Amino acid sequence: MRPRWDCHVHAFGAVYPPAVERGYDPPLVTAAECVAEAAEAGFARVVWVQPSAYGMDNAAQLDALDAFPEASRAVIAPPPEGTDLAALHGRGVRGLRVNLLSAGGNGIETIAPYERAMTDLGWHVAAFLDATTTTALDDLLAATARPIVLDHFAGASKADDPRAFDAVLRHMAGRRIWVKLSAVYRLGAVAPDVVAALVRRFVEAGADRLLFASNWPHVQQKPGYTTAALAAQMAGWIGQAGLDPERVFADNPATLYE
């Protein structure tokens, strides 16, 4: 039986200085707490994703990766040019992140110098953007030939408009992009039946292009979210769509992260 993956968590720590430009202060939590939270919910693997609070400084995610080499992988911000990506691959890095929505994020142009190396290594581009209201997805698709993983329901700000996801669904069916079923609370006051219908559309467009993630430790959100509760909620919606949740929890992420 394949291990389950929580495909979007953040490593923080008091020893890492935050970026000058940021939307929040890094919380006082540890990578070990994250791994323990995931394990309690039945997830043996986590993917550290560079948070905007650290800008382009990947130290916290790489240190977490080194601390839990068997239990984690990482997606980082584009490192300084000249960095040996093959060495980072050996440590467990599997992609670069573009963040167009957060203070302290980075633009699409920052991944261009790494296209060939990412291709050689089989890496993907993770993107936090709103694919439902801007041309950002088209711009990113034009900028890279690498697989694209869209964070947090494609960053949607119009989840109650079914037409808003047409482009996302089309590119899922064309096998260019993946979508993380993560941070459902970012969809705002959207009724559960609307989210369930959206998950069904994602499943129909690309059942093998879906990933689950918790977004632990839920920065800028009210406390109380647990990985176990979020996973159970998502498993219900995935099951209602006629898909075995283990496809999303275990099988699909293995393609990107193992």
Protein backbone atom coordinates (compact mmCIF):
# COMPACT_ATOMS: atom_id res chain seq x y z
CA MET A 1 0.00 0.00 0.00
CA ARG A 2 1.42 3.34 -1.05
CA PRO A 3 1.95 6.04 1.61
CA ARG A 4 -0.40 8.98 1.77
CA TRP A 5 0.96 12.44 0.93
CA ASP A 6 0.00 15.82 2.35
CA CYS A 7 1.16 17.81 -0.67
CA HIS A 8 1.29 21.35 0.72
CA VAL A 9 2.67 22.24 4.13
CA HIS A 10 5.07 24.95 5.30
CA ALA A 11 8.14 24.75 7.51
CA PHE A 12 8.71 27.69 9.83
CA GLY A 13 11.01 28.41 12.73
CA ALA A 14 12.18 31.24 14.95
CA VAL A 15 15.75 31.05 13.59
CA TYR A 16 14.73 31.98 10.04
CA PRO A 17 14.44 35.72 9.35
CA PRO A 18 11.25 36.65 7.49
CA ALA A 19 11.24 38.60 4.24
CA VAL A 20 10.96 42.36 4.48
CA GLU A 21 7.98 42.28 2.14
CA ARG A 22 5.46 39.80 3.50
CA GLY A 23 1.78 39.48 4.24
CA TYR A 24 2.14 37.82 7.65
CA ASP A 25 4.69 36.93 10.28
CA PRO A 26 5.90 33.31 10.30
CA PRO A 27 4.15 31.38 13.10
CA LEU A 28 6.13 29.80 15.92
CA VAL A 29 5.68 26.19 14.85
CA THR A 30 8.23 23.56 13.89
CA ALA A 31 8.70 21.10 11.07
CA ALA A 32 8.49 18.28 13.60
CA GLU A 33 5.03 19.48 14.64
CA CYS A 34 3.96 19.40 11.02
CA VAL A 35 5.19 15.85 10.46
CA ALA A 36 3.45 14.75 13.66
CA GLU A 37 0.18 16.41 12.59
CA ALA A 38 0.33 14.65 9.24
CA ALA A 39 1.16 11.29 10.78
CA GLU A 40 -1.77 11.53 13.20
CA ALA A 41 -4.05 11.92 10.17
CA GLY A 42 -2.51 8.94 8.39
CA PHE A 43 -0.14 10.82 6.09
CA ALA A 44 3.37 9.39 6.08
CA ARG A 45 4.76 11.96 3.63
CA VAL A 46 4.62 15.75 3.38
CA VAL A 47 5.70 18.26 0.75
CA TRP A 48 7.31 21.43 2.08
CA VAL A 49 6.25 24.39 -0.06
CA GLN A 50 8.09 27.70 0.09
CA PRO A 51 5.89 30.23 1.94
CA SER A 52 5.79 33.86 0.87
CA ALA A 53 6.81 35.00 4.37
CA TYR A 54 10.38 33.91 3.57
CA GLY A 55 10.49 35.43 0.10
CA MET A 56 13.21 33.75 -1.96
CA ASP A 57 15.11 32.35 1.03
CA ASN A 58 14.52 28.59 0.99
CA ALA A 59 16.50 27.78 4.14
CA ALA A 60 13.55 26.71 6.30
CA GLN A 61 12.12 24.31 3.71
CA LEU A 62 15.52 22.81 2.88
CA ASP A 63 16.38 22.32 6.54
CA ALA A 64 13.02 20.59 7.08
CA LEU A 65 13.75 18.41 4.07
CA ASP A 66 17.14 17.44 5.47
CA ALA A 67 15.62 16.74 8.89
CA PHE A 68 12.98 14.37 7.45
CA PRO A 69 14.57 12.95 4.28
CA GLU A 70 12.45 9.80 4.18
CA ALA A 71 9.19 11.50 5.02
CA SER A 72 9.24 14.58 2.82
CA ARG A 73 9.92 16.33 -0.46
CA ALA A 74 10.04 20.05 -1.22
CA VAL A 75 8.97 22.71 -3.69
CA ILE A 76 11.09 25.83 -3.35
CA ALA A 77 11.38 29.34 -4.71
CA PRO A 78 13.79 29.70 -7.64
CA PRO A 79 17.26 29.69 -6.03
CA PRO A 80 20.15 31.98 -7.01
CA GLU A 81 21.25 31.45 -10.59
CA GLY A 82 24.09 28.97 -10.81
CA THR A 83 22.65 26.74 -8.09
CA ASP A 84 23.11 23.03 -8.76
CA LEU A 85 19.54 21.80 -9.15
CA ALA A 86 20.72 18.20 -9.44
CA ALA A 87 22.12 18.44 -5.91
CA LEU A 88 18.80 19.82 -4.70
CA HIS A 89 17.03 16.95 -6.44
CA GLY A 90 19.18 14.53 -4.53
CA ARG A 91 18.03 16.17 -1.31
CA GLY A 92 14.37 15.79 -2.31
CA VAL A 93 13.38 18.97 -4.13
CA ARG A 94 10.89 18.28 -6.92
CA GLY A 95 9.79 21.67 -8.21
CA LEU A 96 9.93 25.47 -8.21
CA ARG A 97 7.13 27.74 -7.03
CA VAL A 98 5.62 30.83 -8.61
CA ASN A 99 3.54 32.94 -6.22
CA LEU A 100 1.57 35.72 -7.87
CA LEU A 101 -0.93 36.35 -5.08
CA SER A 102 1.09 36.91 -1.90
CA ALA A 103 3.27 39.75 -0.69
CA GLY A 104 6.81 38.45 -0.93
CA GLY A 105 5.96 36.20 -3.88
CA ASN A 106 7.72 35.94 -7.22
CA GLY A 107 6.87 36.35 -10.88
CA ILE A 108 6.64 33.90 -13.76
CA GLU A 109 9.87 35.24 -15.24
CA THR A 110 11.88 33.92 -12.29
CA ILE A 111 11.60 30.29 -13.44
CA ALA A 112 12.86 30.85 -17.00
CA PRO A 113 16.57 30.26 -16.23
CA TYR A 114 15.76 26.79 -14.89
CA GLU A 115 13.60 25.39 -17.69
CA ARG A 116 16.23 23.06 -19.13
CA ALA A 117 17.42 21.79 -15.74
CA MET A 118 13.83 21.22 -14.58
CA THR A 119 13.16 19.25 -17.75
CA ASP A 120 16.24 17.09 -17.24
CA LEU A 121 15.25 16.39 -13.62
CA GLY A 122 11.53 15.87 -14.26
CA TRP A 123 10.51 18.77 -12.00
CA HIS A 124 7.23 20.66 -12.09
CA VAL A 125 6.18 24.25 -11.50
CA ALA A 126 3.87 24.89 -8.56
CA ALA A 127 1.80 28.04 -8.91
CA PHE A 128 -0.28 30.12 -6.55
CA LEU A 129 -2.40 32.21 -8.87
CA ASP A 130 -6.05 32.86 -9.56
CA ALA A 131 -6.73 30.84 -12.68
CA THR A 132 -10.38 31.88 -12.82
CA THR A 133 -10.22 35.66 -13.17
CA THR A 134 -6.89 36.53 -14.84
CA THR A 135 -4.68 35.57 -17.77
CA ALA A 136 -1.99 34.32 -15.37
CA LEU A 137 -2.56 30.65 -16.21
CA ASP A 138 -2.22 31.31 -19.94
CA ASP A 139 0.94 33.31 -19.28
CA LEU A 140 2.43 30.51 -17.20
CA LEU A 141 1.51 27.83 -19.75
CA ALA A 142 3.27 29.91 -22.40
CA ALA A 143 6.36 30.39 -20.22
CA THR A 144 7.10 26.76 -19.37
CA ALA A 145 6.62 23.31 -20.85
CA ARG A 146 6.87 21.71 -17.43
CA PRO A 147 3.82 20.22 -15.66
CA ILE A 148 2.04 22.88 -13.62
CA VAL A 149 0.51 22.24 -10.21
CA LEU A 150 -2.07 24.84 -9.17
CA ASP A 151 -2.30 25.47 -5.44
CA HIS A 152 -5.51 25.74 -3.43
CA PHE A 153 -8.29 24.93 -5.92
CA ALA A 154 -6.43 26.93 -8.61
CA GLY A 155 -6.47 29.97 -6.33
CA ALA A 156 -10.08 30.52 -7.25
CA SER A 157 -11.86 33.64 -6.11
CA LYS A 158 -15.08 32.79 -7.99
CA ALA A 159 -15.74 29.24 -6.85
CA ASP A 160 -19.50 29.73 -7.08
CA ASP A 161 -19.28 30.38 -10.84
CA PRO A 162 -18.97 27.02 -12.67
CA ARG A 163 -17.78 28.71 -15.86
CA ALA A 164 -14.78 30.15 -14.03
CA PHE A 165 -13.06 26.76 -14.09
CA ASP A 166 -13.50 25.96 -17.76
CA ALA A 167 -9.87 26.74 -18.66
CA VAL A 168 -8.55 24.77 -15.69
CA LEU A 169 -10.65 21.75 -16.58
CA ARG A 170 -9.59 21.93 -20.21
CA HIS A 171 -5.90 21.93 -19.33
CA MET A 172 -6.42 19.13 -16.81
CA ALA A 173 -7.97 17.03 -19.56
CA GLY A 174 -5.03 17.96 -21.78
CA ARG A 175 -2.70 16.77 -19.02
CA ARG A 176 -0.83 20.05 -18.68
CA ILE A 177 -1.89 20.90 -15.15
CA TRP A 178 -2.64 19.36 -11.77
CA VAL A 179 -4.86 20.86 -9.05
CA LYS A 180 -4.40 20.68 -5.29
CA LEU A 181 -7.62 20.11 -3.39
CA SER A 182 -6.25 22.16 -0.54
CA ALA A 183 -7.22 24.98 1.81
CA VAL A 184 -10.89 24.71 0.99
CA TYR A 185 -11.51 27.49 3.52
CA ARG A 186 -9.90 29.89 1.02
CA LEU A 187 -13.00 29.52 -1.14
CA GLY A 188 -14.87 31.64 1.39
CA ALA A 189 -18.53 31.17 2.23
CA VAL A 190 -19.16 28.65 -0.53
CA ALA A 191 -21.84 26.06 0.23
CA PRO A 192 -20.59 22.48 0.68
CA ASP A 193 -22.76 21.25 -2.18
CA VAL A 194 -21.08 23.77 -4.49
CA VAL A 195 -17.64 22.51 -3.45
CA ALA A 196 -18.80 18.92 -3.92
CA ALA A 197 -19.96 19.75 -7.45
CA LEU A 198 -16.63 21.43 -8.18
CA VAL A 199 -14.68 18.40 -6.95
CA ARG A 200 -16.82 16.21 -9.21
CA ARG A 201 -15.93 18.39 -12.20
CA PHE A 202 -12.24 18.10 -11.33
CA VAL A 203 -12.53 14.32 -11.05
CA GLU A 204 -14.28 14.07 -14.40
CA ALA A 205 -11.64 16.26 -16.09
CA GLY A 206 -8.60 14.52 -14.66
CA ALA A 207 -8.85 12.00 -11.85
CA ASP A 208 -5.10 11.39 -12.09
CA ARG A 209 -4.33 15.12 -11.87
CA LEU A 210 -5.63 15.76 -8.36
CA LEU A 211 -3.70 16.07 -5.12
CA PHE A 212 -4.75 16.52 -1.50
CA ALA A 213 -3.06 19.00 0.82
CA SER A 214 -3.80 20.53 4.19
CA ASN A 215 -1.95 23.88 3.91
CA TRP A 216 -0.72 23.34 7.47
CA PRO A 217 -0.28 25.43 9.65
CA HIS A 218 -3.06 27.50 8.03
CA VAL A 219 -1.47 30.95 8.27
CA GLN A 220 -3.84 33.91 8.55
CA GLN A 221 -6.74 31.57 9.35
CA LYS A 222 -8.75 31.01 12.49
CA PRO A 223 -7.34 28.15 14.61
CA GLY A 224 -9.06 24.80 14.71
CA TYR A 225 -8.30 23.18 11.36
CA THR A 226 -6.81 19.71 11.61
CA THR A 227 -5.34 17.62 8.83
CA ALA A 228 -7.52 14.69 9.85
CA ALA A 229 -10.73 16.72 9.60
CA LEU A 230 -9.77 18.33 6.29
CA ALA A 231 -8.82 14.94 4.82
CA ALA A 232 -12.07 13.34 5.95
CA GLN A 233 -14.09 16.17 4.43
CA MET A 234 -12.20 15.92 1.15
CA ALA A 235 -12.46 12.12 1.08
CA GLY A 236 -16.22 12.48 1.31
CA TRP A 237 -16.40 14.81 -1.68
CA ILE A 238 -13.99 12.68 -3.72
CA GLY A 239 -15.98 9.55 -2.92
CA GLN A 240 -19.24 11.24 -3.90
CA ALA A 241 -17.61 11.96 -7.27
CA GLY A 242 -17.04 8.23 -7.76
CA LEU A 243 -13.29 8.17 -7.18
CA ASP A 244 -11.38 6.20 -4.57
CA PRO A 245 -9.83 8.89 -2.30
CA GLU A 246 -6.60 6.88 -2.13
CA ARG A 247 -5.99 7.83 -5.75
CA VAL A 248 -5.73 11.46 -4.62
CA PHE A 249 -4.06 10.80 -1.27
CA ALA A 250 -1.46 8.24 -2.40
CA ASP A 251 -1.30 7.22 -6.06
CA ASN A 252 -1.33 10.60 -7.80
CA PRO A 253 1.29 12.34 -5.64
CA ALA A 254 3.68 9.43 -6.07
CA THR A 255 3.99 10.46 -9.73
CA LEU A 256 5.29 13.90 -8.82
CA TYR A 257 7.18 13.38 -5.59
CA GLU A 258 8.66 9.90 -5.29
